[in-house]
C-alpha atoms as a PDB file:
ATOM      1  CA  MET A   1     121.830  68.243 113.751  1.00  0.00           C
ATOM      2  CA  SER A   2     122.041  64.988 111.896  1.00  0.00           C
ATOM      3  CA  GLU A   3     121.240  65.416 107.873  1.00  0.00           C
ATOM      4  CA  SER A   4     118.068  64.054 107.772  1.00  0.00           C
ATOM      5  CA  THR A   5     116.532  66.418 110.204  1.00  0.00           C
ATOM      6  CA  MET A   6     118.201  69.912 108.158  1.00  0.00           C
ATOM      7  CA  LEU A   7     117.040  68.198 105.235  1.00  0.00           C
ATOM      8  CA  SER A   8     113.438  68.055 107.002  1.00  0.00           C
ATOM      9  CA  ARG A   9     113.552  71.618 107.456  1.00  0.00           C
ATOM     10  CA  THR A  10     113.912  72.587 104.502  1.00  0.00           C
ATOM     11  CA  TYR A  11     111.146  70.765 102.740  1.00  0.00           C
ATOM     12  CA  ALA A  12     108.869  71.542 105.295  1.00  0.00           C
ATOM     13  CA  ARG A  13     109.975  75.734 104.147  1.00  0.00           C
ATOM     14  CA  LEU A  14     110.021  75.196 100.782  1.00  0.00           C
ATOM     15  CA  MET A  15     105.907  73.700 101.503  1.00  0.00           C
ATOM     16  CA  MET A  16     105.318  77.012 103.506  1.00  0.00           C
ATOM     17  CA  ALA A  17     106.673  78.933 100.646  1.00  0.00           C
ATOM     18  CA  THR A  18     104.465  77.012  98.073  1.00  0.00           C
ATOM     19  CA  LEU A  19     101.816  77.281 100.265  1.00  0.00           C
ATOM     20  CA  ALA A  20     101.894  80.824 100.645  1.00  0.00           C
ATOM     21  CA  VAL A  21     102.408  82.014  97.289  1.00  0.00           C
ATOM     22  CA  ALA A  22      99.286  79.569  96.098  1.00  0.00           C
ATOM     23  CA  VAL A  23      97.427  81.101  98.515  1.00  0.00           C
ATOM     24  CA  ALA A  24      98.635  84.448  97.567  1.00  0.00           C
ATOM     25  CA  ILE A  25      98.020  84.672  93.650  1.00  0.00           C
ATOM     26  CA  PRO A  26      93.737  84.587  93.733  1.00  0.00           C
ATOM     27  CA  LEU A  27      93.743  87.158  96.214  1.00  0.00           C
ATOM     28  CA  TRP A  28      96.509  89.227  94.190  1.00  0.00           C
ATOM     29  CA  GLY A  29      94.716  89.839  91.170  1.00  0.00           C
ATOM     30  CA  GLN A  30      91.361  90.749  93.215  1.00  0.00           C
ATOM     31  CA  GLY A  31      92.064  94.256  93.140  1.00  0.00           C
ATOM     32  CA  GLU A  32      91.527  95.005  89.822  1.00  0.00           C
ATOM     33  CA  LEU A  33      88.075  93.234  89.931  1.00  0.00           C
ATOM     34  CA  VAL A  34      86.457  95.312  92.365  1.00  0.00           C
ATOM     35  CA  ASN A  35      88.883  98.768  92.050  1.00  0.00           C
ATOM     36  CA  ALA A  36      89.330 100.950  88.816  1.00  0.00           C
ATOM     37  CA  ARG A  37      92.270 102.277  86.379  1.00  0.00           C
ATOM     38  CA  LEU A  38      92.671 105.403  84.983  1.00  0.00           C
ATOM     39  CA  SER A  39      96.335 106.560  82.621  1.00  0.00           C
ATOM     40  CA  GLY A  40      96.976 108.744  79.943  1.00  0.00           C
ATOM     41  CA  MET A  41      98.880 110.466  78.192  1.00  0.00           C
ATOM     42  CA  VAL A  42      99.591 114.424  79.169  1.00  0.00           C
ATOM     43  CA  ARG A  43     100.243 116.581  76.406  1.00  0.00           C
ATOM     44  CA  ASP A  44     101.319 120.354  75.358  1.00  0.00           C
ATOM     45  CA  PRO A  45      99.647 122.462  72.900  1.00  0.00           C
ATOM     46  CA  ASN A  46     102.155 121.274  70.510  1.00  0.00           C
ATOM     47  CA  GLU A  47     101.406 117.814  70.794  1.00  0.00           C
ATOM     48  CA  ALA A  48     104.705 117.049  72.640  1.00  0.00           C
ATOM     49  CA  VAL A  49     104.665 114.564  76.050  1.00  0.00           C
ATOM     50  CA  VAL A  50     105.075 116.294  78.900  1.00  0.00           C
ATOM     51  CA  PRO A  51     106.819 114.140  81.628  1.00  0.00           C
ATOM     52  CA  GLY A  52     107.716 115.385  84.585  1.00  0.00           C
ATOM     53  CA  ALA A  53     104.326 117.346  85.976  1.00  0.00           C
ATOM     54  CA  LEU A  54     102.453 115.494  88.798  1.00  0.00           C
ATOM     55  CA  VAL A  55      99.197 114.469  88.010  1.00  0.00           C
ATOM     56  CA  THR A  56      96.388 114.479  91.480  1.00  0.00           C
ATOM     57  CA  LEU A  57      93.653 111.737  90.969  1.00  0.00           C
ATOM     58  CA  ALA A  58      91.853 112.669  94.136  1.00  0.00           C
ATOM     59  CA  ASN A  59      87.953 112.151  95.290  1.00  0.00           C
ATOM     60  CA  PRO A  60      86.760 115.234  97.138  1.00  0.00           C
ATOM     61  CA  GLN A  61      83.743 112.497  99.074  1.00  0.00           C
ATOM     62  CA  THR A  62      85.680 109.888 100.730  1.00  0.00           C
ATOM     63  CA  GLY A  63      89.192 112.051 101.230  1.00  0.00           C
ATOM     64  CA  PHE A  64      90.978 109.794  98.989  1.00  0.00           C
ATOM     65  CA  SER A  65      94.366 111.008  97.016  1.00  0.00           C
ATOM     66  CA  ARG A  66      96.569 109.692  94.889  1.00  0.00           C
ATOM     67  CA  ARG A  67      99.656 111.033  93.096  1.00  0.00           C
ATOM     68  CA  SER A  68     101.392 110.574  90.660  1.00  0.00           C
ATOM     69  CA  VAL A  69     104.392 112.078  88.116  1.00  0.00           C
ATOM     70  CA  THR A  70     104.683 111.430  84.525  1.00  0.00           C
ATOM     71  CA  GLY A  71     107.132 109.413  82.735  1.00  0.00           C
ATOM     72  CA  ILE A  72     109.729 110.303  80.127  1.00  0.00           C
ATOM     73  CA  ASP A  73     107.261 109.569  77.617  1.00  0.00           C
ATOM     74  CA  GLY A  74     104.454 111.760  79.245  1.00  0.00           C
ATOM     75  CA  TRP A  75     102.531 108.499  80.786  1.00  0.00           C
ATOM     76  CA  TYR A  76     100.719 108.769  84.031  1.00  0.00           C
ATOM     77  CA  VAL A  77      99.000 105.247  86.033  1.00  0.00           C
ATOM     78  CA  PHE A  78      97.014 105.204  88.261  1.00  0.00           C
ATOM     79  CA  THR A  79      95.795 101.245  89.749  1.00  0.00           C
ATOM     80  CA  LEU A  80      93.463 100.290  92.640  1.00  0.00           C
ATOM     81  CA  VAL A  81      90.941 102.971  92.482  1.00  0.00           C
ATOM     82  CA  PRO A  82      88.264 102.909  94.998  1.00  0.00           C
ATOM     83  CA  PRO A  83      85.263 102.669  92.660  1.00  0.00           C
ATOM     84  CA  GLY A  84      83.799 106.787  93.049  1.00  0.00           C
ATOM     85  CA  GLN A  85      83.556 110.679  91.948  1.00  0.00           C
ATOM     86  CA  TYR A  86      86.983 111.884  90.587  1.00  0.00           C
ATOM     87  CA  GLN A  87      88.572 115.215  90.443  1.00  0.00           C
ATOM     88  CA  LEU A  88      92.684 115.217  88.004  1.00  0.00           C
ATOM     89  CA  LYS A  89      94.466 117.898  88.133  1.00  0.00           C
ATOM     90  CA  VAL A  90      98.005 118.326  86.519  1.00  0.00           C
ATOM     91  CA  GLU A  91     100.491 120.421  87.160  1.00  0.00           C
ATOM     92  CA  LYS A  92     103.448 121.687  86.057  1.00  0.00           C
ATOM     93  CA  GLU A  93     106.109 124.852  85.805  1.00  0.00           C
ATOM     94  CA  GLY A  94     105.418 126.374  83.267  1.00  0.00           C
ATOM     95  CA  PHE A  95     101.918 124.880  81.938  1.00  0.00           C
ATOM     96  CA  ARG A  96      98.684 126.107  83.636  1.00  0.00           C
ATOM     97  CA  THR A  97      97.000 124.193  86.462  1.00  0.00           C
ATOM     98  CA  CYS A  98      94.555 121.582  84.529  1.00  0.00           C
ATOM     99  CA  VAL A  99      91.821 120.366  86.687  1.00  0.00           C
ATOM    100  CA  GLN A 100      89.037 117.906  85.222  1.00  0.00           C
ATOM    101  CA  ALA A 101      86.319 117.357  87.041  1.00  0.00           C
ATOM    102  CA  ASP A 102      83.157 115.241  87.179  1.00  0.00           C
ATOM    103  CA  ILE A 103      85.573 111.716  86.661  1.00  0.00           C
ATOM    104  CA  VAL A 104      83.122 108.418  88.085  1.00  0.00           C
ATOM    105  CA  LEU A 105      85.440 105.044  87.948  1.00  0.00           C
ATOM    106  CA  THR A 106      82.938 102.298  88.190  1.00  0.00           C
ATOM    107  CA  VAL A 107      84.029  98.763  89.393  1.00  0.00           C
ATOM    108  CA  GLY A 108      86.389  97.360  86.974  1.00  0.00           C
ATOM    109  CA  GLN A 109      86.331 100.047  84.791  1.00  0.00           C
ATOM    110  CA  SER A 110      90.389 101.028  83.546  1.00  0.00           C
ATOM    111  CA  SER A 111      90.186 103.999  82.118  1.00  0.00           C
ATOM    112  CA  SER A 112      92.767 106.095  80.039  1.00  0.00           C
ATOM    113  CA  LEU A 113      91.808 110.369  79.904  1.00  0.00           C
ATOM    114  CA  GLU A 114      94.519 112.342  78.090  1.00  0.00           C
ATOM    115  CA  VAL A 115      95.525 115.394  78.953  1.00  0.00           C
ATOM    116  CA  LYS A 116      96.631 118.791  77.467  1.00  0.00           C
ATOM    117  CA  LEU A 117      98.321 121.395  78.941  1.00  0.00           C
ATOM    118  CA  GLU A 118      98.033 125.126  78.228  1.00  0.00           C
ATOM    119  CA  ILE A 119     101.338 127.254  78.708  1.00  0.00           C
ATOM    120  CA  GLY A 120     100.987 129.993  80.911  1.00  0.00           C
ATOM    121  CA  ALA A 121     101.653 130.929  84.194  1.00  0.00           C
ATOM    122  CA  PHE A 122     101.756 128.018  86.685  1.00  0.00           C
ATOM    123  CA  ASN A 123      99.650 130.138  89.850  1.00  0.00           C
ATOM    124  CA  GLN A 124      96.701 130.118  86.525  1.00  0.00           C
ATOM    125  CA  THR A 125      94.646 127.665  86.313  1.00  0.00           C
ATOM    126  CA  VAL A 126      92.011 125.694  83.975  1.00  0.00           C
ATOM    127  CA  GLU A 127      89.448 123.916  84.653  1.00  0.00           C
ATOM    128  CA  VAL A 128      87.859 121.651  81.840  1.00  0.00           C
ATOM    129  CA  VAL A 129      83.991 122.183  81.842  1.00  0.00           C
ATOM    130  CA  ALA A 130      83.445 119.614  78.951  1.00  0.00           C
ATOM    131  CA  ARG A 131      84.870 116.317  77.934  1.00  0.00           C
ATOM    132  CA  ALA A 132      84.913 112.993  75.988  1.00  0.00           C
ATOM    133  CA  PRO A 133      83.576 110.322  77.791  1.00  0.00           C
ATOM    134  CA  LEU A 134      85.998 108.380  79.418  1.00  0.00           C
ATOM    135  CA  LEU A 135      87.852 105.376  77.250  1.00  0.00           C
ATOM    136  CA  ASN A 136      88.436 101.889  77.736  1.00  0.00           C
ATOM    137  CA  THR A 137      90.723 100.721  75.697  1.00  0.00           C
ATOM    138  CA  GLY A 138      92.301  98.146  77.964  1.00  0.00           C
ATOM    139  CA  ASN A 139      89.915  95.543  78.020  1.00  0.00           C
ATOM    140  CA  VAL A 140      86.467  94.067  77.244  1.00  0.00           C
ATOM    141  CA  ASP A 141      85.044  93.818  81.247  1.00  0.00           C
ATOM    142  CA  ILE A 142      81.680  95.282  82.037  1.00  0.00           C
ATOM    143  CA  GLY A 143      81.814  95.869  85.552  1.00  0.00           C
ATOM    144  CA  GLY A 144      78.401  96.701  88.271  1.00  0.00           C
ATOM    145  CA  GLU A 145      77.727  97.891  91.585  1.00  0.00           C
ATOM    146  CA  VAL A 146      75.129  96.832  94.127  1.00  0.00           C
ATOM    147  CA  SER A 147      73.982  99.789  96.122  1.00  0.00           C
ATOM    148  CA  GLY A 148      73.335  98.526  99.933  1.00  0.00           C
ATOM    149  CA  LYS A 149      69.976  99.811  99.287  1.00  0.00           C
ATOM    150  CA  GLN A 150      69.757  97.299  96.927  1.00  0.00           C
ATOM    151  CA  ILE A 151      70.655  95.050  98.750  1.00  0.00           C
ATOM    152  CA  VAL A 152      68.848  95.947 101.853  1.00  0.00           C
ATOM    153  CA  GLU A 153      65.770  96.516  99.456  1.00  0.00           C
ATOM    154  CA  LEU A 154      65.689  94.105  97.290  1.00  0.00           C
ATOM    155  CA  PRO A 155      64.044  90.843  98.444  1.00  0.00           C
ATOM    156  CA  LEU A 156      66.119  87.745  98.288  1.00  0.00           C
ATOM    157  CA  ASN A 157      64.560  84.406  96.855  1.00  0.00           C
ATOM    158  CA  THR A 158      66.438  81.262  98.748  1.00  0.00           C
ATOM    159  CA  ARG A 159      68.419  84.566 100.613  1.00  0.00           C
ATOM    160  CA  ASN A 160      71.656  83.732  99.482  1.00  0.00           C
ATOM    161  CA  VAL A 161      73.569  86.770  98.286  1.00  0.00           C
ATOM    162  CA  TYR A 162      75.429  86.099  95.696  1.00  0.00           C
ATOM    163  CA  GLY A 163      71.675  86.443  93.858  1.00  0.00           C
ATOM    164  CA  LEU A 164      72.518  89.772  93.546  1.00  0.00           C
ATOM    165  CA  VAL A 165      75.669  88.907  90.758  1.00  0.00           C
ATOM    166  CA  ALA A 166      72.241  88.313  88.418  1.00  0.00           C
ATOM    167  CA  LEU A 167      71.232  92.224  88.804  1.00  0.00           C
ATOM    168  CA  SER A 168      74.698  93.058  86.220  1.00  0.00           C
ATOM    169  CA  SER A 169      73.249  92.833  82.923  1.00  0.00           C
ATOM    170  CA  SER A 170      76.963  91.274  81.938  1.00  0.00           C
ATOM    171  CA  VAL A 171      76.542  87.884  83.870  1.00  0.00           C
ATOM    172  CA  ASN A 172      75.458  84.788  82.454  1.00  0.00           C
ATOM    173  CA  SER A 173      75.980  81.341  83.968  1.00  0.00           C
ATOM    174  CA  GLY A 174      74.302  79.527  82.109  1.00  0.00           C
ATOM    175  CA  GLN A 175      72.426  78.107  85.516  1.00  0.00           C
ATOM    176  CA  THR A 176      68.908  78.990  87.246  1.00  0.00           C
ATOM    177  CA  VAL A 177      68.948  82.101  88.824  1.00  0.00           C
ATOM    178  CA  GLN A 178      66.229  82.077  91.570  1.00  0.00           C
ATOM    179  CA  GLY A 179      64.242  80.868  89.145  1.00  0.00           C
ATOM    180  CA  PHE A 180      65.479  83.421  86.294  1.00  0.00           C
ATOM    181  CA  THR A 181      68.106  81.141  83.432  1.00  0.00           C
END
């Protein structure tokens, strides 16, 4: 094989790799736009962090479930979580199992939820009924969902589904969309 053929093949491979990266980069961030993120710290009654706790985030309506183990700093993180209503369960030997239900995660939400475990038998469960609201400490992004019912029932004057974006109070395009500014 000649040197020019080898150079052209190398150049073609380099161009294909560059093209693949250029296409993948915009898609990489799309998951954060339509999904949610939940993180937090697990502590004991003395405010010390609890490493090695098993944290389960589950949506009983859809069957979605994901598990994480707290690090040595007591932190857990769930990324790319589909919007929905979740239950968070934290288990660690020597502590009562803690269950927090009715955690609502929305599109683009990045929330923090701290969990305090109580000392007790592993087979005892503490169910948290009242709790502080989820805090979005990561950014100031606001997201929203357009339901299937809204898509079907709302009129679209221009027959353009992107007009539904204007339903969100946080959208300001500076342009006229379906007669609105």
